[in-house]
Full PDB file with SEQRES, HELIX, SHEET, SSBOND, CRYST1, ORIGX, SCALE, CONECT and MASTER records, all heavy atoms in Angstrom:
SEQRES   1 A   44  ILE ASP ARG ALA LEU ARG SER LEU LEU GLU ALA TRP ARG          
SEQRES   2 A   44  MET GLU GLU MET PHE GLY ALA LEU CYS SER ALA CYS GLN          
SEQRES   3 A   44  ARG PRO LEU GLU ILE PRO PHE ALA ALA GLY TRP SER PHE          
SEQRES   4 A   44  ASP ARG THR ARG ARG                                          
HELIX    1 AA1 ARG A    3  ALA A   11  1                                   9    
HELIX    2 AA2 MET A   14  PHE A   18  1                                   5    
HELIX    3 AA3 ARG A   41  ARG A   43  5                                   3    
CRYST1    1.000    1.000    1.000  90.00  90.00  90.00 P 1           1          
ORIGX1      1.000000  0.000000  0.000000        0.00000                         
ORIGX2      0.000000  1.000000  0.000000        0.00000                         
ORIGX3      0.000000  0.000000  1.000000        0.00000                         
SCALE1      1.000000  0.000000  0.000000        0.00000                         
SCALE2      0.000000  1.000000  0.000000        0.00000                         
SCALE3      0.000000  0.000000  1.000000        0.00000                         
ATOM      1  N   ILE A   1     109.320 140.763 138.038  1.00  0.00           N  
ATOM      2  CA  ILE A   1     109.368 142.074 138.608  1.00  0.00           C  
ATOM      3  C   ILE A   1     110.822 142.317 139.045  1.00  0.00           C  
ATOM      4  O   ILE A   1     111.269 141.704 140.005  1.00  0.00           O  
ATOM      5  CB  ILE A   1     108.367 142.267 139.679  1.00  0.00           C  
ATOM      6  CG1 ILE A   1     106.971 141.951 139.335  1.00  0.00           C  
ATOM      7  CG2 ILE A   1     108.469 143.668 140.271  1.00  0.00           C  
ATOM      8  CD1 ILE A   1     106.398 142.732 138.242  1.00  0.00           C  
ATOM      9  N   ASP A   2     111.561 143.117 138.336  1.00  0.00           N  
ATOM     10  CA  ASP A   2     112.998 143.287 138.669  1.00  0.00           C  
ATOM     11  C   ASP A   2     113.179 144.625 139.545  1.00  0.00           C  
ATOM     12  O   ASP A   2     112.184 145.202 139.876  1.00  0.00           O  
ATOM     13  CB  ASP A   2     113.833 143.248 137.407  1.00  0.00           C  
ATOM     14  CG  ASP A   2     113.657 144.536 136.553  1.00  0.00           C  
ATOM     15  OD1 ASP A   2     112.587 145.152 136.712  1.00  0.00           O  
ATOM     16  OD2 ASP A   2     114.419 144.800 135.754  1.00  0.00           O  
ATOM     17  N   ARG A   3     114.359 144.979 139.667  1.00  0.00           N  
ATOM     18  CA  ARG A   3     114.700 146.182 140.392  1.00  0.00           C  
ATOM     19  C   ARG A   3     114.057 147.445 139.983  1.00  0.00           C  
ATOM     20  O   ARG A   3     113.517 148.278 140.695  1.00  0.00           O  
ATOM     21  CB  ARG A   3     116.231 146.305 140.557  1.00  0.00           C  
ATOM     22  CG  ARG A   3     116.691 147.118 141.618  1.00  0.00           C  
ATOM     23  CD  ARG A   3     118.196 147.020 141.704  1.00  0.00           C  
ATOM     24  NE  ARG A   3     118.815 146.014 140.982  1.00  0.00           N  
ATOM     25  CZ  ARG A   3     120.050 146.063 140.430  1.00  0.00           C  
ATOM     26  NH1 ARG A   3     120.767 147.008 140.720  1.00  0.00           N  
ATOM     27  NH2 ARG A   3     120.467 145.075 139.673  1.00  0.00           N  
ATOM     28  N   ALA A   4     114.113 147.597 138.657  1.00  0.00           N  
ATOM     29  CA  ALA A   4     113.597 148.942 138.079  1.00  0.00           C  
ATOM     30  C   ALA A   4     112.126 149.065 138.273  1.00  0.00           C  
ATOM     31  O   ALA A   4     111.647 150.077 138.712  1.00  0.00           O  
ATOM     32  CB  ALA A   4     114.002 149.103 136.612  1.00  0.00           C  
ATOM     33  N   LEU A   5     111.424 147.963 138.003  1.00  0.00           N  
ATOM     34  CA  LEU A   5     109.940 148.063 138.106  1.00  0.00           C  
ATOM     35  C   LEU A   5     109.503 148.009 139.650  1.00  0.00           C  
ATOM     36  O   LEU A   5     108.650 148.816 139.995  1.00  0.00           O  
ATOM     37  CB  LEU A   5     109.299 146.873 137.365  1.00  0.00           C  
ATOM     38  CG  LEU A   5     107.871 146.945 137.046  1.00  0.00           C  
ATOM     39  CD1 LEU A   5     107.472 148.204 136.305  1.00  0.00           C  
ATOM     40  CD2 LEU A   5     107.450 145.692 136.299  1.00  0.00           C  
ATOM     41  N   ARG A   6     110.240 147.270 140.406  1.00  0.00           N  
ATOM     42  CA  ARG A   6     110.054 147.331 141.892  1.00  0.00           C  
ATOM     43  C   ARG A   6     110.168 148.696 142.482  1.00  0.00           C  
ATOM     44  O   ARG A   6     109.402 149.273 143.212  1.00  0.00           O  
ATOM     45  CB  ARG A   6     110.790 146.276 142.613  1.00  0.00           C  
ATOM     46  CG  ARG A   6     110.508 146.386 144.050  1.00  0.00           C  
ATOM     47  CD  ARG A   6     110.718 145.142 144.913  1.00  0.00           C  
ATOM     48  NE  ARG A   6     110.282 143.917 144.364  1.00  0.00           N  
ATOM     49  CZ  ARG A   6     109.127 143.345 144.654  1.00  0.00           C  
ATOM     50  NH1 ARG A   6     108.228 143.987 145.375  1.00  0.00           N  
ATOM     51  NH2 ARG A   6     108.790 142.148 144.132  1.00  0.00           N  
ATOM     52  N   SER A   7     111.274 149.355 142.031  1.00  0.00           N  
ATOM     53  CA  SER A   7     111.596 150.732 142.532  1.00  0.00           C  
ATOM     54  C   SER A   7     110.515 151.685 142.085  1.00  0.00           C  
ATOM     55  O   SER A   7     110.159 152.679 142.834  1.00  0.00           O  
ATOM     56  CB  SER A   7     113.001 151.176 142.159  1.00  0.00           C  
ATOM     57  OG  SER A   7     113.091 151.343 140.730  1.00  0.00           O  
ATOM     58  N   LEU A   8     110.012 151.484 140.905  1.00  0.00           N  
ATOM     59  CA  LEU A   8     108.892 152.382 140.353  1.00  0.00           C  
ATOM     60  C   LEU A   8     107.609 152.135 141.229  1.00  0.00           C  
ATOM     61  O   LEU A   8     106.963 153.074 141.601  1.00  0.00           O  
ATOM     62  CB  LEU A   8     108.650 152.021 138.921  1.00  0.00           C  
ATOM     63  CG  LEU A   8     107.557 152.806 138.235  1.00  0.00           C  
ATOM     64  CD1 LEU A   8     107.912 154.226 138.139  1.00  0.00           C  
ATOM     65  CD2 LEU A   8     107.253 152.249 136.872  1.00  0.00           C  
ATOM     66  N   LEU A   9     107.319 150.907 141.504  1.00  0.00           N  
ATOM     67  CA  LEU A   9     106.212 150.596 142.398  1.00  0.00           C  
ATOM     68  C   LEU A   9     106.409 151.191 143.757  1.00  0.00           C  
ATOM     69  O   LEU A   9     105.370 151.719 144.368  1.00  0.00           O  
ATOM     70  CB  LEU A   9     105.986 149.112 142.524  1.00  0.00           C  
ATOM     71  CG  LEU A   9     105.587 148.315 141.264  1.00  0.00           C  
ATOM     72  CD1 LEU A   9     105.599 146.861 141.497  1.00  0.00           C  
ATOM     73  CD2 LEU A   9     104.258 148.753 140.697  1.00  0.00           C  
ATOM     74  N   GLU A  10     107.566 151.163 144.303  1.00  0.00           N  
ATOM     75  CA  GLU A  10     107.813 151.734 145.671  1.00  0.00           C  
ATOM     76  C   GLU A  10     107.728 153.251 145.614  1.00  0.00           C  
ATOM     77  O   GLU A  10     107.181 153.904 146.516  1.00  0.00           O  
ATOM     78  CB  GLU A  10     109.118 151.261 146.148  1.00  0.00           C  
ATOM     79  CG  GLU A  10     109.169 149.839 146.557  1.00  0.00           C  
ATOM     80  CD  GLU A  10     110.566 149.325 146.877  1.00  0.00           C  
ATOM     81  OE1 GLU A  10     111.528 150.081 146.823  1.00  0.00           O  
ATOM     82  OE2 GLU A  10     110.634 148.144 147.188  1.00  0.00           O  
ATOM     83  N   ALA A  11     108.298 153.900 144.552  1.00  0.00           N  
ATOM     84  CA  ALA A  11     108.252 155.354 144.426  1.00  0.00           C  
ATOM     85  C   ALA A  11     106.848 155.834 144.267  1.00  0.00           C  
ATOM     86  O   ALA A  11     106.486 156.898 144.851  1.00  0.00           O  
ATOM     87  CB  ALA A  11     109.057 155.803 143.204  1.00  0.00           C  
ATOM     88  N   TRP A  12     106.008 155.150 143.572  1.00  0.00           N  
ATOM     89  CA  TRP A  12     104.583 155.582 143.417  1.00  0.00           C  
ATOM     90  C   TRP A  12     103.703 155.000 144.585  1.00  0.00           C  
ATOM     91  O   TRP A  12     102.507 155.240 144.510  1.00  0.00           O  
ATOM     92  CB  TRP A  12     104.000 155.055 142.075  1.00  0.00           C  
ATOM     93  CG  TRP A  12     104.615 155.842 140.964  1.00  0.00           C  
ATOM     94  CD1 TRP A  12     105.268 157.010 140.937  1.00  0.00           C  
ATOM     95  CD2 TRP A  12     104.490 155.457 139.541  1.00  0.00           C  
ATOM     96  NE1 TRP A  12     105.648 157.410 139.687  1.00  0.00           N  
ATOM     97  CE2 TRP A  12     105.153 156.500 138.812  1.00  0.00           C  
ATOM     98  CE3 TRP A  12     103.886 154.445 138.892  1.00  0.00           C  
ATOM     99  CZ2 TRP A  12     105.217 156.460 137.438  1.00  0.00           C  
ATOM    100  CZ3 TRP A  12     103.998 154.400 137.534  1.00  0.00           C  
ATOM    101  CH2 TRP A  12     104.584 155.436 136.848  1.00  0.00           C  
ATOM    102  N   ARG A  13     104.280 154.337 145.513  1.00  0.00           N  
ATOM    103  CA  ARG A  13     103.521 153.799 146.717  1.00  0.00           C  
ATOM    104  C   ARG A  13     102.303 152.931 146.371  1.00  0.00           C  
ATOM    105  O   ARG A  13     101.300 153.024 146.875  1.00  0.00           O  
ATOM    106  CB  ARG A  13     103.053 154.880 147.574  1.00  0.00           C  
ATOM    107  CG  ARG A  13     104.272 155.759 148.042  1.00  0.00           C  
ATOM    108  CD  ARG A  13     103.816 156.983 148.875  1.00  0.00           C  
ATOM    109  NE  ARG A  13     104.756 157.105 149.924  1.00  0.00           N  
ATOM    110  CZ  ARG A  13     104.399 157.517 151.122  1.00  0.00           C  
ATOM    111  NH1 ARG A  13     103.189 157.831 151.363  1.00  0.00           N  
ATOM    112  NH2 ARG A  13     105.248 157.540 152.086  1.00  0.00           N  
ATOM    113  N   MET A  14     102.546 152.069 145.260  1.00  0.00           N  
ATOM    114  CA  MET A  14     101.509 151.187 144.813  1.00  0.00           C  
ATOM    115  C   MET A  14     101.068 150.177 145.857  1.00  0.00           C  
ATOM    116  O   MET A  14      99.868 149.925 146.005  1.00  0.00           O  
ATOM    117  CB  MET A  14     101.925 150.421 143.545  1.00  0.00           C  
ATOM    118  CG  MET A  14     102.287 151.396 142.376  1.00  0.00           C  
ATOM    119  SD  MET A  14     100.812 152.108 141.645  1.00  0.00           S  
ATOM    120  CE  MET A  14      99.945 150.706 141.099  1.00  0.00           C  
ATOM    121  N   GLU A  15     102.016 149.553 146.608  1.00  0.00           N  
ATOM    122  CA  GLU A  15     101.631 148.619 147.548  1.00  0.00           C  
ATOM    123  C   GLU A  15     100.817 149.177 148.646  1.00  0.00           C  
ATOM    124  O   GLU A  15      99.892 148.617 149.111  1.00  0.00           O  
ATOM    125  CB  GLU A  15     102.933 147.975 148.159  1.00  0.00           C  
ATOM    126  CG  GLU A  15     102.699 146.930 149.164  1.00  0.00           C  
ATOM    127  CD  GLU A  15     102.054 145.703 148.592  1.00  0.00           C  
ATOM    128  OE1 GLU A  15     102.139 145.477 147.354  1.00  0.00           O  
ATOM    129  OE2 GLU A  15     101.376 144.917 149.328  1.00  0.00           O  
ATOM    130  N   GLU A  16     101.097 150.458 149.076  1.00  0.00           N  
ATOM    131  CA  GLU A  16     100.274 151.083 150.162  1.00  0.00           C  
ATOM    132  C   GLU A  16      98.927 151.483 149.721  1.00  0.00           C  
ATOM    133  O   GLU A  16      97.931 151.395 150.447  1.00  0.00           O  
ATOM    134  CB  GLU A  16     101.008 152.397 150.611  1.00  0.00           C  
ATOM    135  CG  GLU A  16     102.358 152.076 151.296  1.00  0.00           C  
ATOM    136  CD  GLU A  16     103.145 153.326 151.530  1.00  0.00           C  
ATOM    137  OE1 GLU A  16     102.568 154.463 151.389  1.00  0.00           O  
ATOM    138  OE2 GLU A  16     104.339 153.154 151.667  1.00  0.00           O  
ATOM    139  N   MET A  17      98.724 151.806 148.386  1.00  0.00           N  
ATOM    140  CA  MET A  17      97.442 152.182 147.835  1.00  0.00           C  
ATOM    141  C   MET A  17      96.594 150.975 147.547  1.00  0.00           C  
ATOM    142  O   MET A  17      95.397 151.035 147.787  1.00  0.00           O  
ATOM    143  CB  MET A  17      97.622 153.062 146.606  1.00  0.00           C  
ATOM    144  CG  MET A  17      98.019 154.430 146.848  1.00  0.00           C  
ATOM    145  SD  MET A  17      97.766 155.580 145.489  1.00  0.00           S  
ATOM    146  CE  MET A  17      98.905 154.981 144.253  1.00  0.00           C  
ATOM    147  N   PHE A  18      97.177 149.982 146.823  1.00  0.00           N  
ATOM    148  CA  PHE A  18      96.361 148.885 146.294  1.00  0.00           C  
ATOM    149  C   PHE A  18      96.668 147.496 146.956  1.00  0.00           C  
ATOM    150  O   PHE A  18      95.948 146.524 146.599  1.00  0.00           O  
ATOM    151  CB  PHE A  18      96.543 148.776 144.792  1.00  0.00           C  
ATOM    152  CG  PHE A  18      96.108 150.029 144.155  1.00  0.00           C  
ATOM    153  CD1 PHE A  18      97.069 150.953 143.658  1.00  0.00           C  
ATOM    154  CD2 PHE A  18      94.797 150.367 143.913  1.00  0.00           C  
ATOM    155  CE1 PHE A  18      96.703 152.096 143.062  1.00  0.00           C  
ATOM    156  CE2 PHE A  18      94.431 151.520 143.281  1.00  0.00           C  
ATOM    157  CZ  PHE A  18      95.354 152.364 142.810  1.00  0.00           C  
ATOM    158  N   GLY A  19      97.655 147.376 147.747  1.00  0.00           N  
ATOM    159  CA  GLY A  19      97.921 146.073 148.366  1.00  0.00           C  
ATOM    160  C   GLY A  19      96.941 145.693 149.338  1.00  0.00           C  
ATOM    161  O   GLY A  19      96.194 146.502 150.004  1.00  0.00           O  
ATOM    162  N   ALA A  20      96.788 144.362 149.501  1.00  0.00           N  
ATOM    163  CA  ALA A  20      95.763 143.815 150.465  1.00  0.00           C  
ATOM    164  C   ALA A  20      96.264 143.967 151.869  1.00  0.00           C  
ATOM    165  O   ALA A  20      97.461 143.911 152.090  1.00  0.00           O  
ATOM    166  CB  ALA A  20      95.537 142.382 150.135  1.00  0.00           C  
ATOM    167  N   LEU A  21      95.348 144.190 152.794  1.00  0.00           N  
ATOM    168  CA  LEU A  21      95.696 144.360 154.230  1.00  0.00           C  
ATOM    169  C   LEU A  21      95.216 143.132 154.928  1.00  0.00           C  
ATOM    170  O   LEU A  21      94.185 142.485 154.612  1.00  0.00           O  
ATOM    171  CB  LEU A  21      95.021 145.597 154.826  1.00  0.00           C  
ATOM    172  CG  LEU A  21      95.383 146.890 154.166  1.00  0.00           C  
ATOM    173  CD1 LEU A  21      94.503 148.034 154.792  1.00  0.00           C  
ATOM    174  CD2 LEU A  21      96.902 147.227 154.358  1.00  0.00           C  
ATOM    175  N   CYS A  22      95.952 142.781 156.011  1.00  0.00           N  
ATOM    176  CA  CYS A  22      95.589 141.703 156.919  1.00  0.00           C  
ATOM    177  C   CYS A  22      94.246 142.059 157.541  1.00  0.00           C  
ATOM    178  O   CYS A  22      94.028 143.120 158.068  1.00  0.00           O  
ATOM    179  CB  CYS A  22      96.605 141.480 157.986  1.00  0.00           C  
ATOM    180  SG  CYS A  22      96.262 140.244 159.190  1.00  0.00           S  
ATOM    181  N   SER A  23      93.316 141.011 157.663  1.00  0.00           N  
ATOM    182  CA  SER A  23      92.014 141.266 158.248  1.00  0.00           C  
ATOM    183  C   SER A  23      92.094 141.480 159.772  1.00  0.00           C  
ATOM    184  O   SER A  23      91.197 142.083 160.283  1.00  0.00           O  
ATOM    185  CB  SER A  23      91.116 140.141 157.931  1.00  0.00           C  
ATOM    186  OG  SER A  23      90.921 140.021 156.555  1.00  0.00           O  
ATOM    187  N   ALA A  24      93.127 141.017 160.383  1.00  0.00           N  
ATOM    188  CA  ALA A  24      93.178 141.042 161.833  1.00  0.00           C  
ATOM    189  C   ALA A  24      94.013 142.371 162.243  1.00  0.00           C  
ATOM    190  O   ALA A  24      93.594 143.106 163.073  1.00  0.00           O  
ATOM    191  CB  ALA A  24      93.805 139.886 162.420  1.00  0.00           C  
ATOM    192  N   CYS A  25      95.212 142.540 161.719  1.00  0.00           N  
ATOM    193  CA  CYS A  25      96.090 143.598 162.231  1.00  0.00           C  
ATOM    194  C   CYS A  25      96.258 144.793 161.265  1.00  0.00           C  
ATOM    195  O   CYS A  25      96.915 145.753 161.585  1.00  0.00           O  
ATOM    196  CB  CYS A  25      97.487 143.047 162.576  1.00  0.00           C  
ATOM    197  SG  CYS A  25      98.338 142.474 161.082  1.00  0.00           S  
ATOM    198  N   GLN A  26      95.704 144.746 160.076  1.00  0.00           N  
ATOM    199  CA  GLN A  26      95.682 145.779 159.065  1.00  0.00           C  
ATOM    200  C   GLN A  26      97.077 146.109 158.573  1.00  0.00           C  
ATOM    201  O   GLN A  26      97.309 147.170 157.964  1.00  0.00           O  
ATOM    202  CB  GLN A  26      95.028 146.998 159.622  1.00  0.00           C  
ATOM    203  CG  GLN A  26      93.647 146.846 159.999  1.00  0.00           C  
ATOM    204  CD  GLN A  26      92.663 146.349 158.883  1.00  0.00           C  
ATOM    205  OE1 GLN A  26      92.749 146.917 157.810  1.00  0.00           O  
ATOM    206  NE2 GLN A  26      92.022 145.253 159.097  1.00  0.00           N  
ATOM    207  N   ARG A  27      98.020 145.190 158.706  1.00  0.00           N  
ATOM    208  CA  ARG A  27      99.367 145.387 158.118  1.00  0.00           C  
ATOM    209  C   ARG A  27      99.259 144.960 156.600  1.00  0.00           C  
ATOM    210  O   ARG A  27      98.434 144.007 156.348  1.00  0.00           O  
ATOM    211  CB  ARG A  27     100.432 144.575 158.830  1.00  0.00           C  
ATOM    212  CG  ARG A  27     100.778 145.180 160.140  1.00  0.00           C  
ATOM    213  CD  ARG A  27     101.974 144.378 160.729  1.00  0.00           C  
ATOM    214  NE  ARG A  27     101.527 142.996 160.874  1.00  0.00           N  
ATOM    215  CZ  ARG A  27     102.120 142.148 161.662  1.00  0.00           C  
ATOM    216  NH1 ARG A  27     103.229 142.518 162.335  1.00  0.00           N  
ATOM    217  NH2 ARG A  27     101.692 140.878 161.775  1.00  0.00           N  
ATOM    218  N   PRO A  28     100.074 145.460 155.729  1.00  0.00           N  
ATOM    219  CA  PRO A  28     100.015 144.996 154.372  1.00  0.00           C  
ATOM    220  C   PRO A  28     100.431 143.601 154.243  1.00  0.00           C  
ATOM    221  O   PRO A  28     101.402 143.162 154.900  1.00  0.00           O  
ATOM    222  CB  PRO A  28     100.993 145.979 153.634  1.00  0.00           C  
ATOM    223  CG  PRO A  28     101.206 147.087 154.602  1.00  0.00           C  
ATOM    224  CD  PRO A  28     100.968 146.648 155.949  1.00  0.00           C  
ATOM    225  N   LEU A  29      99.693 142.831 153.453  1.00  0.00           N  
ATOM    226  CA  LEU A  29     100.148 141.418 153.145  1.00  0.00           C  
ATOM    227  C   LEU A  29     101.328 141.533 152.133  1.00  0.00           C  
ATOM    228  O   LEU A  29     101.595 142.499 151.489  1.00  0.00           O  
ATOM    229  CB  LEU A  29      99.000 140.691 152.459  1.00  0.00           C  
ATOM    230  CG  LEU A  29      97.831 140.441 153.366  1.00  0.00           C  
ATOM    231  CD1 LEU A  29      96.691 139.701 152.526  1.00  0.00           C  
ATOM    232  CD2 LEU A  29      98.132 139.622 154.556  1.00  0.00           C  
ATOM    233  N   GLU A  30     102.020 140.386 152.055  1.00  0.00           N  
ATOM    234  CA  GLU A  30     103.186 140.312 151.226  1.00  0.00           C  
ATOM    235  C   GLU A  30     102.877 140.540 149.802  1.00  0.00           C  
ATOM    236  O   GLU A  30     101.695 140.054 149.342  1.00  0.00           O  
ATOM    237  CB  GLU A  30     103.817 138.900 151.432  1.00  0.00           C  
ATOM    238  CG  GLU A  30     105.105 138.706 150.691  1.00  0.00           C  
ATOM    239  CD  GLU A  30     105.673 137.331 150.932  1.00  0.00           C  
ATOM    240  OE1 GLU A  30     105.682 136.934 152.151  1.00  0.00           O  
ATOM    241  OE2 GLU A  30     106.047 136.659 149.980  1.00  0.00           O  
ATOM    242  N   ILE A  31     103.666 141.167 149.030  1.00  0.00           N  
ATOM    243  CA  ILE A  31     103.444 141.311 147.596  1.00  0.00           C  
ATOM    244  C   ILE A  31     103.210 140.000 146.938  1.00  0.00           C  
ATOM    245  O   ILE A  31     104.006 139.179 147.094  1.00  0.00           O  
ATOM    246  CB  ILE A  31     104.563 142.201 146.970  1.00  0.00           C  
ATOM    247  CG1 ILE A  31     104.368 143.572 147.226  1.00  0.00           C  
ATOM    248  CG2 ILE A  31     104.716 141.938 145.484  1.00  0.00           C  
ATOM    249  CD1 ILE A  31     105.414 144.489 146.601  1.00  0.00           C  
ATOM    250  N   PRO A  32     102.199 139.830 146.086  1.00  0.00           N  
ATOM    251  CA  PRO A  32     101.964 138.621 145.387  1.00  0.00           C  
ATOM    252  C   PRO A  32     102.893 138.247 144.359  1.00  0.00           C  
ATOM    253  O   PRO A  32     102.883 137.116 143.844  1.00  0.00           O  
ATOM    254  CB  PRO A  32     100.496 138.725 144.918  1.00  0.00           C  
ATOM    255  CG  PRO A  32     100.342 140.166 144.655  1.00  0.00           C  
ATOM    256  CD  PRO A  32     101.171 140.846 145.723  1.00  0.00           C  
ATOM    257  N   PHE A  33     103.737 139.161 143.895  1.00  0.00           N  
ATOM    258  CA  PHE A  33     104.641 138.869 142.780  1.00  0.00           C  
ATOM    259  C   PHE A  33     106.107 139.025 143.247  1.00  0.00           C  
ATOM    260  O   PHE A  33     106.839 139.676 142.600  1.00  0.00           O  
ATOM    261  CB  PHE A  33     104.378 139.863 141.613  1.00  0.00           C  
ATOM    262  CG  PHE A  33     104.095 141.245 142.095  1.00  0.00           C  
ATOM    263  CD1 PHE A  33     105.166 142.163 142.240  1.00  0.00           C  
ATOM    264  CD2 PHE A  33     102.899 141.750 142.196  1.00  0.00           C  
ATOM    265  CE1 PHE A  33     104.948 143.393 142.567  1.00  0.00           C  
ATOM    266  CE2 PHE A  33     102.705 143.060 142.597  1.00  0.00           C  
ATOM    267  CZ  PHE A  33     103.686 143.796 142.792  1.00  0.00           C  
ATOM    268  N   ALA A  34     106.491 138.378 144.302  1.00  0.00           N  
ATOM    269  CA  ALA A  34     107.787 138.535 144.899  1.00  0.00           C  
ATOM    270  C   ALA A  34     108.909 138.217 143.844  1.00  0.00           C  
ATOM    271  O   ALA A  34     109.803 138.955 143.599  1.00  0.00           O  
ATOM    272  CB  ALA A  34     107.948 137.675 146.130  1.00  0.00           C  
ATOM    273  N   ALA A  35     108.807 137.071 143.254  1.00  0.00           N  
ATOM    274  CA  ALA A  35     109.914 136.648 142.295  1.00  0.00           C  
ATOM    275  C   ALA A  35     109.290 136.795 140.901  1.00  0.00           C  
ATOM    276  O   ALA A  35     109.942 137.299 140.019  1.00  0.00           O  
ATOM    277  CB  ALA A  35     110.318 135.205 142.505  1.00  0.00           C  
ATOM    278  N   GLY A  36     108.106 136.358 140.620  1.00  0.00           N  
ATOM    279  CA  GLY A  36     107.485 136.436 139.355  1.00  0.00           C  
ATOM    280  C   GLY A  36     105.966 136.498 139.576  1.00  0.00           C  
ATOM    281  O   GLY A  36     105.544 135.953 140.510  1.00  0.00           O  
ATOM    282  N   TRP A  37     105.320 137.019 138.714  1.00  0.00           N  
ATOM    283  CA  TRP A  37     103.828 137.119 138.754  1.00  0.00           C  
ATOM    284  C   TRP A  37     103.213 136.532 137.495  1.00  0.00           C  
ATOM    285  O   TRP A  37     103.656 136.872 136.383  1.00  0.00           O  
ATOM    286  CB  TRP A  37     103.423 138.539 138.989  1.00  0.00           C  
ATOM    287  CG  TRP A  37     102.011 138.718 139.323  1.00  0.00           C  
ATOM    288  CD1 TRP A  37     101.413 138.537 140.571  1.00  0.00           C  
ATOM    289  CD2 TRP A  37     100.941 139.114 138.485  1.00  0.00           C  
ATOM    290  NE1 TRP A  37     100.165 138.676 140.479  1.00  0.00           N  
ATOM    291  CE2 TRP A  37      99.762 139.138 139.233  1.00  0.00           C  
ATOM    292  CE3 TRP A  37     100.884 139.408 137.157  1.00  0.00           C  
ATOM    293  CZ2 TRP A  37      98.568 139.455 138.679  1.00  0.00           C  
ATOM    294  CZ3 TRP A  37      99.700 139.804 136.553  1.00  0.00           C  
ATOM    295  CH2 TRP A  37      98.542 139.786 137.292  1.00  0.00           C  
ATOM    296  N   SER A  38     102.204 135.765 137.610  1.00  0.00           N  
ATOM    297  CA  SER A  38     101.624 135.147 136.428  1.00  0.00           C  
ATOM    298  C   SER A  38     100.413 135.944 135.960  1.00  0.00           C  
ATOM    299  O   SER A  38      99.559 136.424 136.701  1.00  0.00           O  
ATOM    300  CB  SER A  38     101.123 133.780 136.787  1.00  0.00           C  
ATOM    301  OG  SER A  38     100.431 133.221 135.835  1.00  0.00           O  
ATOM    302  N   PHE A  39     100.324 136.199 134.587  1.00  0.00           N  
ATOM    303  CA  PHE A  39      99.191 136.783 134.076  1.00  0.00           C  
ATOM    304  C   PHE A  39      98.081 135.750 133.756  1.00  0.00           C  
ATOM    305  O   PHE A  39      96.970 136.052 133.455  1.00  0.00           O  
ATOM    306  CB  PHE A  39      99.546 137.468 132.681  1.00  0.00           C  
ATOM    307  CG  PHE A  39     100.291 138.757 132.971  1.00  0.00           C  
ATOM    308  CD1 PHE A  39     101.614 138.916 132.896  1.00  0.00           C  
ATOM    309  CD2 PHE A  39      99.504 139.910 133.230  1.00  0.00           C  
ATOM    310  CE1 PHE A  39     102.289 140.078 133.044  1.00  0.00           C  
ATOM    311  CE2 PHE A  39     100.208 141.098 133.443  1.00  0.00           C  
ATOM    312  CZ  PHE A  39     101.550 141.182 133.284  1.00  0.00           C  
ATOM    313  N   ASP A  40      98.514 134.502 133.866  1.00  0.00           N  
ATOM    314  CA  ASP A  40      97.563 133.406 133.555  1.00  0.00           C  
ATOM    315  C   ASP A  40      96.704 133.144 134.787  1.00  0.00           C  
ATOM    316  O   ASP A  40      97.221 132.660 135.854  1.00  0.00           O  
ATOM    317  CB  ASP A  40      98.321 132.186 133.216  1.00  0.00           C  
ATOM    318  CG  ASP A  40      97.475 131.007 132.717  1.00  0.00           C  
ATOM    319  OD1 ASP A  40      96.204 131.230 132.673  1.00  0.00           O  
ATOM    320  OD2 ASP A  40      98.006 129.906 132.556  1.00  0.00           O  
ATOM    321  N   ARG A  41      95.436 133.496 134.775  1.00  0.00           N  
ATOM    322  CA  ARG A  41      94.509 133.448 135.915  1.00  0.00           C  
ATOM    323  C   ARG A  41      94.336 131.951 136.427  1.00  0.00           C  
ATOM    324  O   ARG A  41      94.093 131.637 137.486  1.00  0.00           O  
ATOM    325  CB  ARG A  41      93.223 133.985 135.614  1.00  0.00           C  
ATOM    326  CG  ARG A  41      93.246 135.369 135.171  1.00  0.00           C  
ATOM    327  CD  ARG A  41      93.070 136.280 136.428  1.00  0.00           C  
ATOM    328  NE  ARG A  41      93.030 137.664 135.982  1.00  0.00           N  
ATOM    329  CZ  ARG A  41      93.762 138.545 136.373  1.00  0.00           C  
ATOM    330  NH1 ARG A  41      94.771 138.271 137.238  1.00  0.00           N  
ATOM    331  NH2 ARG A  41      93.663 139.871 136.020  1.00  0.00           N  
ATOM    332  N   THR A  42      94.620 130.969 135.491  1.00  0.00           N  
ATOM    333  CA  THR A  42      94.412 129.570 135.873  1.00  0.00           C  
ATOM    334  C   THR A  42      95.568 129.124 136.826  1.00  0.00           C  
ATOM    335  O   THR A  42      95.369 128.102 137.573  1.00  0.00           O  
ATOM    336  CB  THR A  42      94.346 128.592 134.677  1.00  0.00           C  
ATOM    337  OG1 THR A  42      95.592 128.748 133.894  1.00  0.00           O  
ATOM    338  CG2 THR A  42      93.238 129.038 133.776  1.00  0.00           C  
ATOM    339  N   ARG A  43      96.669 129.804 136.818  1.00  0.00           N  
ATOM    340  CA  ARG A  43      97.766 129.363 137.727  1.00  0.00           C  
ATOM    341  C   ARG A  43      97.572 129.796 139.155  1.00  0.00           C  
ATOM    342  O   ARG A  43      98.200 129.205 140.010  1.00  0.00           O  
ATOM    343  CB  ARG A  43      99.017 129.954 137.197  1.00  0.00           C  
ATOM    344  CG  ARG A  43      99.531 129.338 135.908  1.00  0.00           C  
ATOM    345  CD  ARG A  43     100.937 129.883 135.577  1.00  0.00           C  
ATOM    346  NE  ARG A  43     101.302 129.512 134.250  1.00  0.00           N  
ATOM    347  CZ  ARG A  43     102.439 129.831 133.743  1.00  0.00           C  
ATOM    348  NH1 ARG A  43     103.322 130.492 134.375  1.00  0.00           N  
ATOM    349  NH2 ARG A  43     102.764 129.463 132.508  1.00  0.00           N  
ATOM    350  N   ARG A  44      96.728 130.818 139.393  1.00  0.00           N  
ATOM    351  CA  ARG A  44      96.441 131.223 140.766  1.00  0.00           C  
ATOM    352  C   ARG A  44      95.223 130.547 141.283  1.00  0.00           C  
ATOM    353  O   ARG A  44      94.167 131.156 141.162  1.00  0.00           O  
ATOM    354  CB  ARG A  44      96.368 132.748 140.733  1.00  0.00           C  
ATOM    355  CG  ARG A  44      97.632 133.475 140.428  1.00  0.00           C  
ATOM    356  CD  ARG A  44      97.569 134.907 140.670  1.00  0.00           C  
ATOM    357  NE  ARG A  44      96.632 135.487 139.724  1.00  0.00           N  
ATOM    358  CZ  ARG A  44      96.107 136.670 139.982  1.00  0.00           C  
ATOM    359  NH1 ARG A  44      96.248 137.311 141.032  1.00  0.00           N  
ATOM    360  NH2 ARG A  44      95.182 137.111 139.064  1.00  0.00           N  
TER     361      ARG A  44                                                      
MASTER        0    0    0    3    0    0    0    6  360    1    0    4          
END                                                                             
């Protein structure tokens, strides 16, 4: 996820709509694909 795709995610507010929230304080959890994100389900 580079700058262009990250800016698109921010412009469309994807993290706010679909990101997970902390169960205690309801703040958004860190994005799971900070440097790279795996499409391979066995890696997670």
